[in-house]
Amino acid sequence: MQKYVELPKNDVASEKESDWFRHCESTQGPFITVKPRSTYADVHWDYITYSKKVDDILESLGTTLRDDAIEIFTKYANAKSRYTASGHLIWFKNLEIDSARSAASELYDLIVDSVSRENA
């Protein structure tokens, strides 16, 4: 199962990103992208593909999702890495490419588990 999409540098028209957005919206899955450069990559998650019901679940989590995402970031970060995190947006910047892929996969699992647990 695909947990994120890796966006190539030459995707200037954002076709791959748009296709992934539509897929995540239709499946109600996390919209996670990895944007590699030469050495580093950024990982981005946005709740925008979710329905109002899932948005309400994310809101009910308070800071838990954010705090758990920061733990993932810390696991893979290096001296150049930075993050932005809330309950609706996560952005890991300047992770080494392989670390970014692993962080994106773990972030996917965290979001799915968090939403499923609260939805049960």
N, C-alpha and C. Protein backbone atom coordinates (compact mmCIF):
# COMPACT_ATOMS: atom_id res chain seq x y z
N MET A 1 0.83 -1.18 0.00
CA MET A 1 0.00 0.00 0.00
C MET A 1 0.88 1.25 0.00
N GLN A 2 0.54 2.18 -0.83
CA GLN A 2 1.28 3.43 -0.95
C GLN A 2 0.89 4.37 0.18
N LYS A 3 1.87 4.88 0.90
CA LYS A 3 1.61 5.75 2.03
C LYS A 3 1.88 7.22 1.74
N TYR A 4 2.62 7.49 0.72
CA TYR A 4 2.96 8.86 0.33
C TYR A 4 3.34 8.85 -1.14
N VAL A 5 3.43 10.03 -1.70
CA VAL A 5 3.91 10.14 -3.07
C VAL A 5 5.21 10.95 -3.05
N GLU A 6 6.15 10.49 -3.84
CA GLU A 6 7.41 11.19 -3.98
C GLU A 6 7.31 12.04 -5.24
N LEU A 7 7.49 13.32 -5.08
CA LEU A 7 7.30 14.24 -6.19
C LEU A 7 8.63 14.54 -6.87
N PRO A 8 8.74 14.21 -8.14
CA PRO A 8 10.00 14.47 -8.86
C PRO A 8 10.18 15.96 -9.10
N LYS A 9 11.42 16.38 -9.23
CA LYS A 9 11.73 17.79 -9.46
C LYS A 9 11.07 18.31 -10.75
N ASN A 10 10.91 17.42 -11.72
CA ASN A 10 10.36 17.86 -13.01
C ASN A 10 8.83 17.86 -13.05
N ASP A 11 8.19 17.70 -11.91
CA ASP A 11 6.72 17.71 -11.86
C ASP A 11 6.23 19.16 -11.70
N VAL A 12 6.67 20.02 -12.62
CA VAL A 12 6.37 21.45 -12.51
C VAL A 12 4.88 21.75 -12.65
N ALA A 13 4.15 20.94 -13.36
CA ALA A 13 2.71 21.15 -13.50
C ALA A 13 1.94 20.51 -12.35
N SER A 14 2.65 19.90 -11.42
CA SER A 14 2.07 19.26 -10.24
C SER A 14 1.06 18.16 -10.58
N GLU A 15 1.25 17.50 -11.71
CA GLU A 15 0.32 16.45 -12.10
C GLU A 15 0.34 15.28 -11.13
N LYS A 16 1.52 14.83 -10.75
CA LYS A 16 1.61 13.71 -9.82
C LYS A 16 1.02 14.08 -8.46
N GLU A 17 1.29 15.30 -8.02
CA GLU A 17 0.74 15.76 -6.75
C GLU A 17 -0.79 15.87 -6.82
N SER A 18 -1.31 16.36 -7.92
CA SER A 18 -2.76 16.47 -8.09
C SER A 18 -3.43 15.10 -8.12
N ASP A 19 -2.80 14.16 -8.81
CA ASP A 19 -3.33 12.79 -8.84
C ASP A 19 -3.36 12.19 -7.44
N TRP A 20 -2.29 12.40 -6.69
CA TRP A 20 -2.21 11.88 -5.32
C TRP A 20 -3.27 12.55 -4.43
N PHE A 21 -3.45 13.84 -4.61
CA PHE A 21 -4.48 14.57 -3.86
C PHE A 21 -5.85 13.95 -4.10
N ARG A 22 -6.18 13.73 -5.36
CA ARG A 22 -7.50 13.15 -5.70
C ARG A 22 -7.64 11.75 -5.11
N HIS A 23 -6.56 10.96 -5.16
CA HIS A 23 -6.58 9.61 -4.58
C HIS A 23 -6.85 9.69 -3.07
N CYS A 24 -6.13 10.54 -2.38
CA CYS A 24 -6.28 10.67 -0.92
C CYS A 24 -7.67 11.18 -0.56
N GLU A 25 -8.18 12.09 -1.35
CA GLU A 25 -9.52 12.62 -1.10
C GLU A 25 -10.57 11.52 -1.27
N SER A 26 -10.44 10.72 -2.31
CA SER A 26 -11.45 9.68 -2.56
C SER A 26 -11.36 8.53 -1.57
N THR A 27 -10.17 8.25 -1.06
CA THR A 27 -10.00 7.15 -0.10
C THR A 27 -10.01 7.63 1.35
N GLN A 28 -10.05 8.95 1.54
CA GLN A 28 -9.96 9.56 2.87
C GLN A 28 -8.69 9.12 3.58
N GLY A 29 -7.59 9.09 2.83
CA GLY A 29 -6.28 8.75 3.39
C GLY A 29 -5.44 9.99 3.59
N PRO A 30 -4.37 9.90 4.36
CA PRO A 30 -3.50 11.05 4.59
C PRO A 30 -2.81 11.53 3.30
N PHE A 31 -2.84 12.81 3.08
CA PHE A 31 -2.20 13.43 1.92
C PHE A 31 -0.77 13.79 2.30
N ILE A 32 0.16 12.85 2.05
CA ILE A 32 1.56 13.02 2.43
C ILE A 32 2.41 13.02 1.17
N THR A 33 3.28 14.02 1.07
CA THR A 33 4.20 14.10 -0.06
C THR A 33 5.64 14.15 0.45
N VAL A 34 6.54 13.63 -0.37
CA VAL A 34 7.97 13.73 -0.13
C VAL A 34 8.55 14.43 -1.34
N LYS A 35 9.27 15.52 -1.10
CA LYS A 35 9.87 16.29 -2.18
C LYS A 35 11.39 16.25 -2.04
N PRO A 36 12.02 15.30 -2.75
CA PRO A 36 13.49 15.20 -2.66
C PRO A 36 14.19 16.25 -3.51
N ARG A 37 15.37 16.64 -3.03
CA ARG A 37 16.27 17.49 -3.79
C ARG A 37 17.54 16.65 -3.98
N SER A 38 18.68 17.25 -4.02
CA SER A 38 19.90 16.46 -4.27
C SER A 38 20.31 15.64 -3.04
N THR A 39 20.27 16.19 -1.86
CA THR A 39 20.69 15.49 -0.64
C THR A 39 19.55 15.37 0.36
N TYR A 40 18.72 16.37 0.43
CA TYR A 40 17.66 16.43 1.43
C TYR A 40 16.28 16.37 0.78
N ALA A 41 15.29 16.14 1.64
CA ALA A 41 13.91 16.10 1.16
C ALA A 41 13.00 16.69 2.23
N ASP A 42 11.84 17.16 1.81
CA ASP A 42 10.82 17.66 2.72
C ASP A 42 9.65 16.69 2.73
N VAL A 43 9.07 16.51 3.89
CA VAL A 43 7.87 15.68 4.06
C VAL A 43 6.75 16.62 4.47
N HIS A 44 5.60 16.49 3.79
CA HIS A 44 4.48 17.38 4.06
C HIS A 44 3.19 16.58 4.18
N TRP A 45 2.41 16.87 5.23
CA TRP A 45 1.07 16.31 5.37
C TRP A 45 0.11 17.45 5.63
N ASP A 46 -1.02 17.39 4.94
CA ASP A 46 -2.08 18.38 5.13
C ASP A 46 -3.40 17.63 5.23
N TYR A 47 -4.26 18.08 6.12
CA TYR A 47 -5.55 17.43 6.34
C TYR A 47 -6.59 17.76 5.28
N ILE A 48 -6.26 18.58 4.32
CA ILE A 48 -7.21 19.16 3.37
C ILE A 48 -8.04 18.12 2.59
N THR A 49 -7.57 16.90 2.46
CA THR A 49 -8.31 15.89 1.71
C THR A 49 -9.39 15.22 2.55
N TYR A 50 -9.40 15.49 3.84
CA TYR A 50 -10.34 14.81 4.74
C TYR A 50 -11.71 15.48 4.78
N SER A 51 -12.71 14.68 5.10
CA SER A 51 -14.07 15.18 5.29
C SER A 51 -14.16 15.93 6.61
N LYS A 52 -15.25 16.61 6.81
CA LYS A 52 -15.50 17.36 8.06
C LYS A 52 -15.46 16.42 9.26
N LYS A 53 -15.96 15.19 9.09
CA LYS A 53 -15.96 14.22 10.19
C LYS A 53 -14.54 13.94 10.67
N VAL A 54 -13.63 13.71 9.73
CA VAL A 54 -12.24 13.43 10.10
C VAL A 54 -11.58 14.69 10.65
N ASP A 55 -11.92 15.83 10.10
CA ASP A 55 -11.41 17.09 10.62
C ASP A 55 -11.79 17.24 12.09
N ASP A 56 -13.02 16.90 12.42
CA ASP A 56 -13.47 16.97 13.82
C ASP A 56 -12.68 16.00 14.70
N ILE A 57 -12.37 14.82 14.18
CA ILE A 57 -11.56 13.86 14.93
C ILE A 57 -10.17 14.44 15.19
N LEU A 58 -9.56 15.01 14.16
CA LEU A 58 -8.24 15.61 14.32
C LEU A 58 -8.28 16.72 15.37
N GLU A 59 -9.32 17.49 15.35
CA GLU A 59 -9.48 18.57 16.33
C GLU A 59 -9.58 18.00 17.75
N SER A 60 -10.28 16.88 17.90
CA SER A 60 -10.46 16.28 19.22
C SER A 60 -9.17 15.71 19.81
N LEU A 61 -8.16 15.50 18.98
CA LEU A 61 -6.90 14.94 19.46
C LEU A 61 -6.05 15.94 20.23
N GLY A 62 -6.41 17.21 20.16
CA GLY A 62 -5.62 18.23 20.84
C GLY A 62 -4.20 18.26 20.28
N THR A 63 -3.20 18.22 21.16
CA THR A 63 -1.81 18.30 20.72
C THR A 63 -1.16 16.92 20.56
N THR A 64 -1.92 15.86 20.78
CA THR A 64 -1.35 14.51 20.74
C THR A 64 -0.72 14.18 19.39
N LEU A 65 -1.44 14.41 18.30
CA LEU A 65 -0.91 14.10 16.97
C LEU A 65 0.34 14.92 16.70
N ARG A 66 0.29 16.20 17.00
CA ARG A 66 1.45 17.07 16.79
C ARG A 66 2.65 16.56 17.58
N ASP A 67 2.44 16.26 18.85
CA ASP A 67 3.54 15.81 19.71
C ASP A 67 4.15 14.50 19.21
N ASP A 68 3.30 13.58 18.79
CA ASP A 68 3.79 12.30 18.27
C ASP A 68 4.53 12.49 16.95
N ALA A 69 4.07 13.43 16.13
CA ALA A 69 4.75 13.72 14.86
C ALA A 69 6.13 14.32 15.12
N ILE A 70 6.24 15.16 16.12
CA ILE A 70 7.54 15.74 16.47
C ILE A 70 8.51 14.65 16.92
N GLU A 71 8.01 13.63 17.60
CA GLU A 71 8.86 12.50 17.98
C GLU A 71 9.40 11.79 16.74
N ILE A 72 8.56 11.63 15.72
CA ILE A 72 9.03 11.02 14.46
C ILE A 72 10.11 11.91 13.85
N PHE A 73 9.85 13.21 13.80
CA PHE A 73 10.82 14.15 13.25
C PHE A 73 12.17 14.02 13.97
N THR A 74 12.12 14.03 15.30
CA THR A 74 13.34 13.98 16.10
C THR A 74 14.15 12.72 15.80
N LYS A 75 13.46 11.63 15.54
CA LYS A 75 14.11 10.36 15.23
C LYS A 75 14.94 10.45 13.95
N TYR A 76 14.50 11.23 12.98
CA TYR A 76 15.14 11.27 11.66
C TYR A 76 15.88 12.58 11.37
N ALA A 77 15.79 13.57 12.23
CA ALA A 77 16.35 14.89 11.96
C ALA A 77 17.87 14.90 12.00
N ASN A 78 18.42 15.89 11.34
CA ASN A 78 19.85 16.17 11.39
C ASN A 78 20.00 17.65 11.76
N ALA A 79 21.19 18.15 11.78
CA ALA A 79 21.44 19.53 12.20
C ALA A 79 20.74 20.57 11.32
N LYS A 80 20.47 20.24 10.07
CA LYS A 80 19.83 21.20 9.15
C LYS A 80 18.30 21.08 9.13
N SER A 81 17.77 20.08 9.78
CA SER A 81 16.34 19.80 9.73
C SER A 81 15.54 20.79 10.58
N ARG A 82 14.33 21.06 10.12
CA ARG A 82 13.38 21.92 10.83
C ARG A 82 11.99 21.31 10.66
N TYR A 83 11.06 21.75 11.50
CA TYR A 83 9.69 21.26 11.35
C TYR A 83 8.69 22.36 11.65
N THR A 84 7.50 22.17 11.12
CA THR A 84 6.31 22.93 11.47
C THR A 84 5.26 21.87 11.76
N ALA A 85 4.55 22.00 12.88
CA ALA A 85 3.60 20.95 13.23
C ALA A 85 2.40 21.51 13.97
N SER A 86 1.23 20.99 13.58
CA SER A 86 -0.02 21.26 14.29
C SER A 86 -0.87 20.01 14.13
N GLY A 87 -2.09 20.06 14.57
CA GLY A 87 -2.98 18.92 14.43
C GLY A 87 -3.54 18.74 13.03
N HIS A 88 -3.24 19.71 12.14
CA HIS A 88 -3.78 19.68 10.77
C HIS A 88 -2.70 19.80 9.70
N LEU A 89 -1.47 20.02 10.10
CA LEU A 89 -0.39 20.23 9.14
C LEU A 89 0.93 19.82 9.78
N ILE A 90 1.67 19.02 9.05
CA ILE A 90 3.00 18.61 9.50
C ILE A 90 3.95 18.86 8.33
N TRP A 91 5.08 19.47 8.63
CA TRP A 91 6.07 19.72 7.60
C TRP A 91 7.45 19.47 8.20
N PHE A 92 8.13 18.45 7.69
CA PHE A 92 9.51 18.16 8.07
C PHE A 92 10.39 18.66 6.93
N LYS A 93 11.33 19.50 7.23
CA LYS A 93 12.19 20.09 6.20
C LYS A 93 13.63 19.62 6.37
N ASN A 94 14.27 19.35 5.25
CA ASN A 94 15.70 19.03 5.19
C ASN A 94 16.07 17.74 5.92
N LEU A 95 15.27 16.71 5.74
CA LEU A 95 15.68 15.39 6.20
C LEU A 95 16.49 14.74 5.08
N GLU A 96 17.44 13.89 5.43
CA GLU A 96 18.13 13.13 4.39
C GLU A 96 17.08 12.31 3.66
N ILE A 97 17.26 12.07 2.38
CA ILE A 97 16.21 11.49 1.53
C ILE A 97 15.68 10.17 2.08
N ASP A 98 16.55 9.24 2.42
CA ASP A 98 16.06 7.97 2.97
C ASP A 98 15.33 8.16 4.29
N SER A 99 15.80 9.08 5.11
CA SER A 99 15.14 9.38 6.37
C SER A 99 13.77 10.00 6.12
N ALA A 100 13.67 10.83 5.10
CA ALA A 100 12.38 11.45 4.76
C ALA A 100 11.37 10.38 4.36
N ARG A 101 11.81 9.42 3.60
CA ARG A 101 10.90 8.34 3.19
C ARG A 101 10.41 7.55 4.41
N SER A 102 11.33 7.25 5.31
CA SER A 102 10.94 6.52 6.53
C SER A 102 10.02 7.36 7.41
N ALA A 103 10.33 8.64 7.55
CA ALA A 103 9.50 9.53 8.35
C ALA A 103 8.11 9.65 7.75
N ALA A 104 8.02 9.73 6.43
CA ALA A 104 6.71 9.83 5.76
C ALA A 104 5.87 8.58 6.01
N SER A 105 6.50 7.44 5.95
CA SER A 105 5.80 6.18 6.20
C SER A 105 5.30 6.11 7.65
N GLU A 106 6.14 6.49 8.58
CA GLU A 106 5.73 6.48 9.99
C GLU A 106 4.65 7.53 10.26
N LEU A 107 4.75 8.66 9.61
CA LEU A 107 3.75 9.71 9.77
C LEU A 107 2.40 9.21 9.27
N TYR A 108 2.39 8.52 8.14
CA TYR A 108 1.16 7.93 7.62
C TYR A 108 0.53 7.00 8.66
N ASP A 109 1.33 6.10 9.20
CA ASP A 109 0.83 5.15 10.20
C ASP A 109 0.27 5.87 11.42
N LEU A 110 0.97 6.91 11.87
CA LEU A 110 0.53 7.68 13.02
C LEU A 110 -0.84 8.31 12.76
N ILE A 111 -0.99 8.93 11.61
CA ILE A 111 -2.25 9.61 11.29
C ILE A 111 -3.39 8.62 11.16
N VAL A 112 -3.17 7.55 10.42
CA VAL A 112 -4.22 6.52 10.25
C VAL A 112 -4.61 5.94 11.60
N ASP A 113 -3.62 5.58 12.41
CA ASP A 113 -3.92 5.01 13.73
C ASP A 113 -4.65 5.99 14.62
N SER A 114 -4.24 7.25 14.61
CA SER A 114 -4.88 8.27 15.44
C SER A 114 -6.33 8.48 15.05
N VAL A 115 -6.59 8.58 13.76
CA VAL A 115 -7.96 8.79 13.28
C VAL A 115 -8.81 7.56 13.55
N SER A 116 -8.25 6.37 13.30
CA SER A 116 -9.01 5.12 13.50
C SER A 116 -9.35 4.92 14.97
N ARG A 117 -8.41 5.21 15.85
CA ARG A 117 -8.61 5.03 17.29
C ARG A 117 -9.73 5.94 17.78
N GLU A 118 -9.73 7.19 17.33
CA GLU A 118 -10.75 8.14 17.75
C GLU A 118 -12.10 7.88 17.09
N ASN A 119 -12.08 7.22 15.94
CA ASN A 119 -13.29 6.94 15.18
C ASN A 119 -13.99 5.67 15.68
N ALA A 120 -13.28 4.89 16.48
CA ALA A 120 -13.82 3.58 16.94
C ALA A 120 -14.91 3.74 17.97
